[in-house]
Amino acid sequence: MNGRRYQIEYGESALADLDNLPADRRAQILRKIERLQQGLVGNIKRLHDAEAGFRLRMGDFRVLFDVEEDVIIIRKIGNRKDVYD
């Protein structure tokens, strides 16, 4: 899947998660998400038995997302202790 250009979309839950983060952490996470437009690069892992197909790791934070065609849909963002609930 690398080398493709992707469009990023945010689910309602992900938008609410972003609103609840401190501004500096939110900016850092948004920069990482924007990099996904260039291809699925970074610390990405396919998930099994989860509400999303993939996760992007950033320290203690995770971004859960799905890939449909050339669209990445951000489903959930949060601390690794809470995001998989």
N, C-alpha and C. Protein backbone atom coordinates (compact mmCIF):
# COMPACT_ATOMS: atom_id res chain seq x y z
N MET A 1 0.82 -1.20 0.00
CA MET A 1 0.00 0.00 0.00
C MET A 1 0.86 1.26 0.00
N ASN A 2 2.14 1.12 0.20
CA ASN A 2 3.00 2.29 0.21
C ASN A 2 3.12 2.88 -1.18
N GLY A 3 3.42 4.16 -1.26
CA GLY A 3 3.57 4.81 -2.54
C GLY A 3 2.29 5.39 -3.09
N ARG A 4 1.18 5.06 -2.52
CA ARG A 4 -0.11 5.61 -2.94
C ARG A 4 -0.37 6.92 -2.24
N ARG A 5 -1.21 7.75 -2.85
CA ARG A 5 -1.68 8.98 -2.22
C ARG A 5 -3.05 8.69 -1.62
N TYR A 6 -3.23 9.11 -0.40
CA TYR A 6 -4.48 8.87 0.30
C TYR A 6 -5.14 10.18 0.71
N GLN A 7 -6.44 10.13 0.79
CA GLN A 7 -7.23 11.22 1.34
C GLN A 7 -7.55 10.85 2.78
N ILE A 8 -7.53 11.84 3.68
CA ILE A 8 -7.79 11.59 5.09
C ILE A 8 -9.19 12.08 5.44
N GLU A 9 -9.96 11.23 6.12
CA GLU A 9 -11.27 11.61 6.65
C GLU A 9 -11.30 11.25 8.13
N TYR A 10 -12.07 12.02 8.90
CA TYR A 10 -12.16 11.80 10.34
C TYR A 10 -13.57 11.40 10.72
N GLY A 11 -13.69 10.35 11.51
CA GLY A 11 -14.97 9.96 12.08
C GLY A 11 -15.31 10.87 13.25
N GLU A 12 -16.56 10.87 13.67
CA GLU A 12 -17.00 11.73 14.77
C GLU A 12 -16.24 11.43 16.06
N SER A 13 -16.01 10.18 16.35
CA SER A 13 -15.30 9.80 17.56
C SER A 13 -13.87 10.35 17.55
N ALA A 14 -13.20 10.28 16.40
CA ALA A 14 -11.83 10.79 16.29
C ALA A 14 -11.79 12.30 16.48
N LEU A 15 -12.77 13.01 15.94
CA LEU A 15 -12.82 14.46 16.11
C LEU A 15 -13.02 14.83 17.58
N ALA A 16 -13.87 14.08 18.27
CA ALA A 16 -14.07 14.32 19.70
C ALA A 16 -12.79 14.01 20.48
N ASP A 17 -12.11 12.94 20.09
CA ASP A 17 -10.85 12.59 20.75
C ASP A 17 -9.82 13.71 20.58
N LEU A 18 -9.73 14.27 19.39
CA LEU A 18 -8.79 15.37 19.14
C LEU A 18 -9.13 16.58 20.00
N ASP A 19 -10.39 16.89 20.12
CA ASP A 19 -10.82 18.04 20.93
C ASP A 19 -10.42 17.90 22.39
N ASN A 20 -10.30 16.69 22.88
CA ASN A 20 -9.98 16.44 24.28
C ASN A 20 -8.49 16.41 24.57
N LEU A 21 -7.65 16.56 23.55
CA LEU A 21 -6.20 16.50 23.74
C LEU A 21 -5.63 17.90 23.95
N PRO A 22 -4.50 17.98 24.68
CA PRO A 22 -3.81 19.27 24.78
C PRO A 22 -3.34 19.72 23.39
N ALA A 23 -3.25 21.02 23.19
CA ALA A 23 -2.94 21.58 21.87
C ALA A 23 -1.63 21.06 21.29
N ASP A 24 -0.58 20.93 22.12
CA ASP A 24 0.70 20.47 21.59
C ASP A 24 0.63 19.01 21.15
N ARG A 25 -0.04 18.16 21.91
CA ARG A 25 -0.19 16.75 21.55
C ARG A 25 -1.06 16.61 20.30
N ARG A 26 -2.14 17.42 20.23
CA ARG A 26 -3.03 17.39 19.07
C ARG A 26 -2.25 17.75 17.80
N ALA A 27 -1.42 18.79 17.86
CA ALA A 27 -0.64 19.21 16.70
C ALA A 27 0.32 18.12 16.25
N GLN A 28 0.96 17.46 17.21
CA GLN A 28 1.89 16.38 16.90
C GLN A 28 1.17 15.22 16.20
N ILE A 29 0.03 14.85 16.72
CA ILE A 29 -0.75 13.75 16.14
C ILE A 29 -1.24 14.11 14.74
N LEU A 30 -1.72 15.32 14.56
CA LEU A 30 -2.20 15.74 13.24
C LEU A 30 -1.08 15.73 12.20
N ARG A 31 0.13 16.09 12.60
CA ARG A 31 1.27 16.03 11.67
C ARG A 31 1.52 14.59 11.23
N LYS A 32 1.46 13.66 12.18
CA LYS A 32 1.67 12.24 11.85
C LYS A 32 0.57 11.72 10.92
N ILE A 33 -0.66 12.13 11.19
CA ILE A 33 -1.78 11.70 10.35
C ILE A 33 -1.62 12.26 8.94
N GLU A 34 -1.20 13.51 8.82
CA GLU A 34 -1.01 14.11 7.49
C GLU A 34 0.03 13.36 6.68
N ARG A 35 1.04 12.81 7.33
CA ARG A 35 2.07 12.03 6.63
C ARG A 35 1.49 10.78 5.98
N LEU A 36 0.38 10.29 6.51
CA LEU A 36 -0.25 9.10 5.93
C LEU A 36 -0.77 9.37 4.52
N GLN A 37 -0.98 10.64 4.17
CA GLN A 37 -1.43 10.95 2.81
C GLN A 37 -0.41 10.50 1.77
N GLN A 38 0.86 10.46 2.15
CA GLN A 38 1.93 10.07 1.24
C GLN A 38 2.07 8.56 1.13
N GLY A 39 1.41 7.83 1.99
CA GLY A 39 1.50 6.37 1.98
C GLY A 39 1.49 5.86 3.40
N LEU A 40 1.27 4.59 3.55
CA LEU A 40 1.19 3.99 4.88
C LEU A 40 2.59 3.73 5.41
N VAL A 41 3.19 4.81 5.92
CA VAL A 41 4.53 4.73 6.48
C VAL A 41 4.48 5.14 7.94
N GLY A 42 5.40 4.63 8.70
CA GLY A 42 5.43 4.90 10.13
C GLY A 42 5.24 3.60 10.88
N ASN A 43 5.01 3.72 12.15
CA ASN A 43 4.84 2.55 13.00
C ASN A 43 3.38 2.10 12.91
N ILE A 44 3.06 1.40 11.84
CA ILE A 44 1.69 0.96 11.53
C ILE A 44 1.62 -0.55 11.67
N LYS A 45 0.52 -1.00 12.25
CA LYS A 45 0.30 -2.43 12.42
C LYS A 45 -1.13 -2.76 12.06
N ARG A 46 -1.34 -3.87 11.35
CA ARG A 46 -2.69 -4.34 11.05
C ARG A 46 -3.27 -4.94 12.32
N LEU A 47 -4.51 -4.60 12.61
CA LEU A 47 -5.18 -5.10 13.82
C LEU A 47 -6.13 -6.23 13.47
N HIS A 48 -6.30 -7.13 14.41
CA HIS A 48 -7.25 -8.24 14.27
C HIS A 48 -8.24 -8.16 15.42
N ASP A 49 -9.48 -8.42 15.17
CA ASP A 49 -10.52 -8.38 16.21
C ASP A 49 -10.59 -7.02 16.89
N ALA A 50 -10.48 -5.95 16.13
CA ALA A 50 -10.57 -4.59 16.67
C ALA A 50 -11.58 -3.81 15.84
N GLU A 51 -11.96 -2.65 16.35
CA GLU A 51 -12.96 -1.83 15.65
C GLU A 51 -12.39 -1.12 14.43
N ALA A 52 -11.08 -1.14 14.28
CA ALA A 52 -10.43 -0.54 13.12
C ALA A 52 -9.41 -1.54 12.56
N GLY A 53 -9.05 -1.36 11.31
CA GLY A 53 -8.15 -2.30 10.66
C GLY A 53 -6.68 -2.08 10.94
N PHE A 54 -6.30 -0.84 11.29
CA PHE A 54 -4.89 -0.51 11.48
C PHE A 54 -4.73 0.40 12.68
N ARG A 55 -3.49 0.46 13.19
CA ARG A 55 -3.15 1.43 14.21
C ARG A 55 -1.82 2.08 13.85
N LEU A 56 -1.73 3.35 14.17
CA LEU A 56 -0.50 4.11 14.04
C LEU A 56 -0.03 4.43 15.45
N ARG A 57 1.20 4.05 15.78
CA ARG A 57 1.73 4.25 17.12
C ARG A 57 2.57 5.52 17.17
N MET A 58 2.35 6.31 18.24
CA MET A 58 3.13 7.51 18.49
C MET A 58 3.38 7.60 19.99
N GLY A 59 4.45 6.97 20.45
CA GLY A 59 4.71 6.93 21.89
C GLY A 59 3.60 6.18 22.59
N ASP A 60 2.96 6.82 23.57
CA ASP A 60 1.86 6.20 24.30
C ASP A 60 0.51 6.39 23.62
N PHE A 61 0.48 7.08 22.49
CA PHE A 61 -0.78 7.34 21.80
C PHE A 61 -0.93 6.47 20.57
N ARG A 62 -2.19 6.16 20.25
CA ARG A 62 -2.51 5.35 19.09
C ARG A 62 -3.59 6.04 18.27
N VAL A 63 -3.47 5.91 16.95
CA VAL A 63 -4.50 6.37 16.02
C VAL A 63 -5.03 5.11 15.34
N LEU A 64 -6.31 4.82 15.53
CA LEU A 64 -6.93 3.66 14.90
C LEU A 64 -7.61 4.13 13.62
N PHE A 65 -7.38 3.41 12.53
CA PHE A 65 -7.95 3.84 11.26
C PHE A 65 -8.23 2.66 10.35
N ASP A 66 -9.07 2.94 9.35
CA ASP A 66 -9.38 1.98 8.30
C ASP A 66 -8.91 2.55 6.97
N VAL A 67 -8.66 1.69 6.01
CA VAL A 67 -8.30 2.10 4.66
C VAL A 67 -9.34 1.52 3.71
N GLU A 68 -9.99 2.42 2.98
CA GLU A 68 -10.99 2.01 1.98
C GLU A 68 -10.61 2.66 0.66
N GLU A 69 -10.16 1.83 -0.28
CA GLU A 69 -9.67 2.32 -1.57
C GLU A 69 -8.51 3.27 -1.31
N ASP A 70 -8.65 4.56 -1.67
CA ASP A 70 -7.59 5.53 -1.45
C ASP A 70 -7.97 6.55 -0.38
N VAL A 71 -8.80 6.12 0.57
CA VAL A 71 -9.24 6.98 1.68
C VAL A 71 -8.85 6.32 3.00
N ILE A 72 -8.21 7.10 3.87
CA ILE A 72 -7.92 6.66 5.23
C ILE A 72 -8.95 7.31 6.14
N ILE A 73 -9.68 6.50 6.89
CA ILE A 73 -10.71 7.01 7.79
C ILE A 73 -10.21 6.84 9.21
N ILE A 74 -9.97 7.96 9.88
CA ILE A 74 -9.49 7.95 11.26
C ILE A 74 -10.69 7.66 12.15
N ARG A 75 -10.61 6.59 12.94
CA ARG A 75 -11.73 6.15 13.76
C ARG A 75 -11.62 6.59 15.22
N LYS A 76 -10.41 6.49 15.79
CA LYS A 76 -10.26 6.76 17.21
C LYS A 76 -8.82 7.17 17.50
N ILE A 77 -8.65 8.08 18.46
CA ILE A 77 -7.33 8.57 18.85
C ILE A 77 -7.27 8.60 20.36
N GLY A 78 -6.21 8.05 20.95
CA GLY A 78 -6.11 8.11 22.40
C GLY A 78 -4.89 7.41 22.94
N ASN A 79 -4.79 7.43 24.25
CA ASN A 79 -3.71 6.76 24.95
C ASN A 79 -3.85 5.25 24.75
N ARG A 80 -2.74 4.58 24.67
CA ARG A 80 -2.76 3.13 24.41
C ARG A 80 -3.52 2.36 25.45
N LYS A 81 -3.61 2.87 26.68
CA LYS A 81 -4.35 2.18 27.74
C LYS A 81 -5.85 2.23 27.53
N ASP A 82 -6.33 3.25 26.82
CA ASP A 82 -7.76 3.47 26.69
C ASP A 82 -8.33 3.27 25.29
N VAL A 83 -7.51 3.36 24.28
CA VAL A 83 -8.02 3.44 22.91
C VAL A 83 -8.62 2.14 22.39
N TYR A 84 -8.23 1.02 22.95
CA TYR A 84 -8.73 -0.26 22.43
C TYR A 84 -10.01 -0.71 23.13
N ASP A 85 -10.52 0.06 24.08
CA ASP A 85 -11.76 -0.31 24.79
C ASP A 85 -12.96 -0.26 23.88
